[in-house]
Amino acid sequence: MSEQAAALDTSSPPNNAPAPSDTTGSNNELASIFQCPVCLDYALPPILQCQRGHLVCRSCRSKLTSCPICRGPLGYIRNLAMEKVANFVLFPCRYACLGCEITLAHAEKVGHEDVCQFRLYSCPCPGTLCKWQGTVDAIMPHLKNTHDYITIEGEDIIFLATSINLVGAFDWVMVQSCFGVHFMLVLQKQEDQNGDQKFFAVVQLVGTRKEAENFVYQLELKANRRRLTWEATPLPIHEDIAKAIKNRDCLIFDANTALLFAENGNLSIGVVINMC
């Protein structure tokens, strides 16, 4: 092969081939067509439209009675053409404004956003009106500096809830640190309209769902030849403790059961964290 031919082999692509920056720009322009006019996130399949073709995401659709653009009726009209186009678009993460530079296929977007390092979390403290939000790395400093919770080191500890006989709803919270991560231990007492009291105990990992799947926790009440135990995977930090309690996905016992294990109005709960 001549030197001239070799030089042709290493030359730049033809002028009509799109540069990477052009491709990125075209993708971003196409993705912007899917932007919801209400929340500015993206309308992903199944994609709904109003009678005039304006798109709105599923989350906002459930809260609306009319199109936010033309004010016409929304209905439940699917835009099948746009759904097909969505299969060829890479969408920015919803936390792009906070620094995430990842773009994904629509089927992968929600899964990524659940564990995105730029995701913002609300304060996990139950029973408070704290409006704080921050990244997962900022949660422990917030708990320590603002809520002053006690932290105990070790995978096998005792969680002491004092004065459980007080009338009304109460929360007892402690932080357990082991295996290089932190867990929130929550005991909540609720009282219904009839004055009947129920206790709910659950453990939440200050981490993602994927990280939580590496652990299993055990709660145990033990006294007077009686034992009550609960074993489960910790809740990840983005799952609401109130939802777990509502779904009864936690240790549950009533006031009479609590008295069987309490001593001088205080209740000791053994907490063991194990790696799977």
Protein backbone atom coordinates (compact mmCIF):
# COMPACT_ATOMS: atom_id res chain seq x y z
CA MET A 1 0.00 0.00 0.00
CA SER A 2 1.40 3.43 -0.90
CA GLU A 3 2.12 6.11 1.69
CA GLN A 4 -0.69 8.17 0.14
CA ALA A 5 -3.20 5.30 0.61
CA ALA A 6 -2.07 4.80 4.21
CA ALA A 7 -2.63 8.46 4.89
CA LEU A 8 -6.19 8.16 3.56
CA ASP A 9 -6.88 5.27 5.93
CA THR A 10 -6.10 7.42 8.99
CA SER A 11 -7.96 10.51 7.88
CA SER A 12 -11.02 11.97 9.67
CA PRO A 13 -14.50 10.65 8.84
CA PRO A 14 -16.44 12.21 5.95
CA ASN A 15 -17.81 15.69 6.49
CA ASN A 16 -21.39 14.42 6.56
CA ALA A 17 -20.72 12.07 9.54
CA PRO A 18 -22.13 13.60 12.77
CA ALA A 19 -19.58 14.49 15.44
CA PRO A 20 -20.22 13.09 18.96
CA SER A 21 -21.24 16.52 20.23
CA ASP A 22 -23.77 16.83 17.40
CA THR A 23 -25.25 13.44 18.30
CA THR A 24 -25.53 14.44 21.96
CA GLY A 25 -27.18 17.71 21.03
CA SER A 26 -29.68 15.96 18.75
CA ASN A 27 -30.53 13.45 21.49
CA ASN A 28 -31.07 16.22 24.05
CA GLU A 29 -33.32 18.11 21.65
CA LEU A 30 -35.35 14.97 21.02
CA ALA A 31 -35.57 14.21 24.75
CA SER A 32 -36.88 17.73 25.39
CA ILE A 33 -39.98 16.91 23.32
CA PHE A 34 -40.96 14.43 26.05
CA GLN A 35 -40.64 16.98 28.85
CA CYS A 36 -43.71 17.24 31.07
CA PRO A 37 -44.96 20.87 31.23
CA VAL A 38 -45.88 20.47 34.92
CA CYS A 39 -42.92 18.84 36.68
CA LEU A 40 -40.36 19.21 33.85
CA ASP A 41 -39.45 15.53 34.15
CA TYR A 42 -40.06 13.28 31.15
CA ALA A 43 -43.25 11.61 29.97
CA LEU A 44 -42.18 7.97 29.55
CA PRO A 45 -44.12 4.98 28.19
CA PRO A 46 -47.00 4.50 28.54
CA ILE A 47 -47.30 8.10 27.29
CA LEU A 48 -50.62 9.91 27.70
CA GLN A 49 -51.80 12.97 25.81
CA CYS A 50 -54.76 15.32 25.68
CA GLN A 51 -57.08 15.46 22.68
CA ARG A 52 -54.79 18.00 21.00
CA GLY A 53 -51.65 15.91 21.46
CA HIS A 54 -50.01 17.64 24.45
CA LEU A 55 -48.03 15.21 26.63
CA VAL A 56 -48.04 14.91 30.40
CA CYS A 57 -46.18 12.39 32.59
CA ARG A 58 -48.06 9.66 34.45
CA SER A 59 -47.34 11.14 37.87
CA CYS A 60 -48.80 14.53 36.98
CA ARG A 61 -51.67 12.96 35.02
CA SER A 62 -53.06 11.43 38.21
CA LYS A 63 -53.30 14.92 39.76
CA LEU A 64 -54.82 16.76 36.80
CA THR A 65 -58.33 17.06 35.39
CA SER A 66 -57.43 19.17 32.34
CA CYS A 67 -54.45 19.69 30.06
CA PRO A 68 -52.00 22.21 31.61
CA ILE A 69 -51.32 23.71 28.14
CA CYS A 70 -54.65 23.96 26.31
CA ARG A 71 -56.97 23.39 29.29
CA GLY A 72 -58.83 20.75 27.29
CA PRO A 73 -59.90 17.38 28.71
CA LEU A 74 -57.08 14.91 29.26
CA GLY A 75 -58.78 11.56 28.92
CA TYR A 76 -56.58 8.46 28.67
CA ILE A 77 -55.32 8.69 25.10
CA ARG A 78 -52.01 6.91 24.54
CA ASN A 79 -49.54 8.32 22.03
CA LEU A 80 -48.20 5.09 20.51
CA ALA A 81 -45.96 6.89 18.02
CA MET A 82 -44.14 8.80 20.75
CA GLU A 83 -43.78 5.60 22.75
CA LYS A 84 -41.92 4.05 19.81
CA VAL A 85 -39.70 7.12 19.45
CA ALA A 86 -38.90 6.95 23.18
CA ASN A 87 -37.17 3.61 22.60
CA PHE A 88 -34.46 5.42 20.62
CA VAL A 89 -33.85 8.29 23.05
CA LEU A 90 -31.45 8.52 25.99
CA PHE A 91 -33.03 10.54 28.79
CA PRO A 92 -31.12 12.62 31.36
CA CYS A 93 -31.40 11.59 35.00
CA ARG A 94 -33.93 13.70 36.90
CA TYR A 95 -31.02 14.81 39.12
CA ALA A 96 -29.05 16.25 36.19
CA CYS A 97 -29.55 19.73 37.67
CA LEU A 98 -27.71 18.54 40.79
CA GLY A 99 -24.73 17.20 38.89
CA CYS A 100 -25.64 13.76 37.46
CA GLU A 101 -24.38 13.47 33.88
CA ILE A 102 -25.80 10.03 33.09
CA THR A 103 -28.30 9.51 30.27
CA LEU A 104 -30.31 6.31 30.04
CA ALA A 105 -32.92 4.41 28.09
CA HIS A 106 -36.37 5.05 29.53
CA ALA A 107 -36.63 1.49 30.90
CA GLU A 108 -33.49 2.06 33.02
CA LYS A 109 -34.21 5.60 34.16
CA VAL A 110 -36.31 4.93 37.26
CA GLY A 111 -33.98 2.20 38.52
CA HIS A 112 -30.99 4.51 38.26
CA GLU A 113 -32.75 7.41 39.95
CA ASP A 114 -33.57 5.24 42.97
CA VAL A 115 -29.85 4.89 43.71
CA CYS A 116 -28.40 8.00 42.04
CA GLN A 117 -25.65 9.52 44.18
CA PHE A 118 -27.11 12.98 43.52
CA ARG A 119 -30.59 12.05 44.73
CA LEU A 120 -32.01 14.17 47.55
CA TYR A 121 -33.55 12.51 50.60
CA SER A 122 -35.91 13.98 53.16
CA CYS A 123 -35.06 13.84 56.84
CA PRO A 124 -35.83 10.23 57.91
CA CYS A 125 -36.79 11.16 61.48
CA PRO A 126 -40.31 9.95 62.29
CA GLY A 127 -42.76 12.21 64.05
CA THR A 128 -40.93 15.46 63.25
CA LEU A 129 -41.72 18.41 61.02
CA CYS A 130 -38.13 18.68 59.82
CA LYS A 131 -38.03 19.95 56.22
CA TRP A 132 -34.34 19.16 55.64
CA GLN A 133 -33.26 17.52 52.37
CA GLY A 134 -29.83 16.33 51.33
CA THR A 135 -27.75 13.58 49.72
CA VAL A 136 -27.34 10.21 51.41
CA ASP A 137 -23.85 11.19 52.62
CA ALA A 138 -25.31 14.20 54.43
CA ILE A 139 -27.97 12.28 56.37
CA MET A 140 -25.81 11.14 59.28
CA PRO A 141 -24.25 14.58 59.90
CA HIS A 142 -27.79 16.01 59.85
CA LEU A 143 -29.08 13.44 62.37
CA LYS A 144 -26.14 14.07 64.65
CA ASN A 145 -26.11 17.85 64.48
CA THR A 146 -29.85 18.55 64.37
CA HIS A 147 -31.58 15.67 66.14
CA ASP A 148 -28.79 14.55 68.49
CA TYR A 149 -29.61 10.84 68.34
CA ILE A 150 -27.55 8.37 70.32
CA THR A 151 -25.27 6.14 68.20
CA ILE A 152 -24.19 2.71 69.45
CA GLU A 153 -21.40 0.72 67.80
CA GLY A 154 -21.72 -3.00 67.16
CA GLU A 155 -23.89 -5.55 65.37
CA ASP A 156 -25.50 -6.90 68.59
CA ILE A 157 -26.91 -4.19 70.86
CA ILE A 158 -29.79 -3.32 73.19
CA PHE A 159 -32.24 -0.60 72.17
CA LEU A 160 -33.74 0.88 75.36
CA ALA A 161 -37.09 2.67 75.10
CA THR A 162 -37.86 4.53 78.31
CA SER A 163 -41.22 5.49 79.80
CA ILE A 164 -43.32 3.50 77.38
CA ASN A 165 -46.38 3.89 79.64
CA LEU A 166 -46.79 7.59 78.91
CA VAL A 167 -50.16 8.40 77.35
CA GLY A 168 -50.19 9.39 73.69
CA ALA A 169 -48.14 8.74 70.58
CA PHE A 170 -44.35 8.60 70.93
CA ASP A 171 -41.25 7.75 68.91
CA TRP A 172 -38.01 6.30 70.21
CA VAL A 173 -35.09 6.49 67.79
CA MET A 174 -31.47 5.37 67.98
CA VAL A 175 -28.66 4.85 65.46
CA GLN A 176 -26.69 1.62 65.25
CA SER A 177 -23.32 1.60 63.49
CA CYS A 178 -21.72 -1.61 62.22
CA PHE A 179 -20.13 -3.10 59.10
CA GLY A 180 -19.13 0.42 58.10
CA VAL A 181 -22.74 1.63 57.67
CA HIS A 182 -25.49 3.13 59.84
CA PHE A 183 -28.96 1.89 60.74
CA MET A 184 -31.87 3.82 62.25
CA LEU A 185 -33.78 1.89 64.90
CA VAL A 186 -37.32 3.16 65.33
CA LEU A 187 -39.95 2.21 67.90
CA GLN A 188 -43.24 4.01 67.43
CA LYS A 189 -46.29 3.95 69.68
CA GLN A 190 -49.65 4.82 68.16
CA GLU A 191 -52.99 5.24 69.87
CA ASP A 192 -56.33 4.85 68.11
CA GLN A 193 -59.61 6.65 68.83
CA ASN A 194 -60.55 4.02 71.40
CA GLY A 195 -57.34 4.56 73.35
CA ASP A 196 -55.86 1.20 72.29
CA GLN A 197 -52.09 1.34 71.90
CA LYS A 198 -49.91 -0.44 69.39
CA PHE A 199 -46.11 -0.52 69.14
CA PHE A 200 -44.22 -0.79 65.84
CA ALA A 201 -40.48 -1.46 65.58
CA VAL A 202 -38.43 -1.35 62.38
CA VAL A 203 -34.84 -0.90 61.20
CA GLN A 204 -33.84 1.34 58.30
CA LEU A 205 -30.45 1.42 56.57
CA VAL A 206 -28.97 4.82 55.76
CA GLY A 207 -28.29 3.57 52.24
CA THR A 208 -29.84 2.31 49.03
CA ARG A 209 -32.10 -0.69 48.37
CA LYS A 210 -29.20 -2.59 46.82
CA GLU A 211 -27.08 -2.00 49.92
CA ALA A 212 -29.97 -2.97 52.23
CA GLU A 213 -30.26 -6.35 50.52
CA ASN A 214 -26.82 -7.22 51.95
CA PHE A 215 -28.18 -7.23 55.50
CA VAL A 216 -30.81 -8.84 57.68
CA TYR A 217 -31.85 -7.57 61.11
CA GLN A 218 -33.48 -9.30 64.05
CA LEU A 219 -35.48 -7.63 66.80
CA GLU A 220 -36.13 -9.55 70.00
CA LEU A 221 -38.13 -8.98 73.16
CA LYS A 222 -37.12 -11.42 75.89
CA ALA A 223 -38.19 -11.72 79.54
CA ASN A 224 -39.76 -14.16 81.98
CA ARG A 225 -39.35 -17.17 79.70
CA ARG A 226 -41.08 -15.32 76.90
CA ARG A 227 -39.58 -14.36 73.57
CA LEU A 228 -40.95 -12.34 70.67
CA THR A 229 -38.81 -11.94 67.55
CA TRP A 230 -38.97 -10.34 64.12
CA GLU A 231 -36.48 -10.79 61.28
CA ALA A 232 -36.39 -8.90 57.99
CA THR A 233 -34.30 -6.96 55.49
CA PRO A 234 -33.77 -3.34 56.59
CA LEU A 235 -35.70 -0.64 54.81
CA PRO A 236 -33.57 1.46 52.44
CA ILE A 237 -33.41 5.14 53.29
CA HIS A 238 -35.75 6.25 50.49
CA GLU A 239 -38.62 4.05 51.74
CA ASP A 240 -40.93 5.71 54.23
CA ILE A 241 -41.08 4.15 57.70
CA ALA A 242 -44.71 5.26 57.98
CA LYS A 243 -45.55 3.19 54.88
CA ALA A 244 -43.87 0.10 56.37
CA ILE A 245 -45.90 0.55 59.55
CA LYS A 246 -49.11 1.01 57.57
CA ASN A 247 -48.35 -2.19 55.65
CA ARG A 248 -47.54 -3.98 58.94
CA ASP A 249 -44.06 -4.84 57.59
CA CYS A 250 -42.39 -4.60 61.01
CA LEU A 251 -42.47 -5.95 64.55
CA ILE A 252 -45.92 -5.25 66.05
CA PHE A 253 -47.20 -5.74 69.58
CA ASP A 254 -49.88 -4.18 71.76
CA ALA A 255 -49.64 -2.47 75.13
CA ASN A 256 -50.41 -5.65 77.09
CA THR A 257 -47.61 -7.50 75.31
CA ALA A 258 -45.25 -4.60 76.00
CA LEU A 259 -45.99 -4.89 79.73
CA LEU A 260 -44.93 -8.56 79.67
CA PHE A 261 -41.43 -7.51 78.59
CA ALA A 262 -41.08 -4.09 80.23
CA GLU A 263 -39.28 -3.39 83.49
CA ASN A 264 -40.12 -0.26 85.48
CA GLY A 265 -41.78 1.23 82.42
CA ASN A 266 -38.75 0.69 80.21
CA LEU A 267 -38.56 -1.71 77.28
CA SER A 268 -35.35 -3.37 76.10
CA ILE A 269 -35.22 -4.61 72.50
CA GLY A 270 -32.31 -6.72 71.34
CA VAL A 271 -31.11 -5.71 67.88
CA VAL A 272 -28.81 -7.92 65.82
CA ILE A 273 -27.57 -6.95 62.34
CA ASN A 274 -26.07 -9.66 60.15
CA MET A 275 -24.63 -9.60 56.65
CA CYS A 276 -26.34 -11.95 54.21
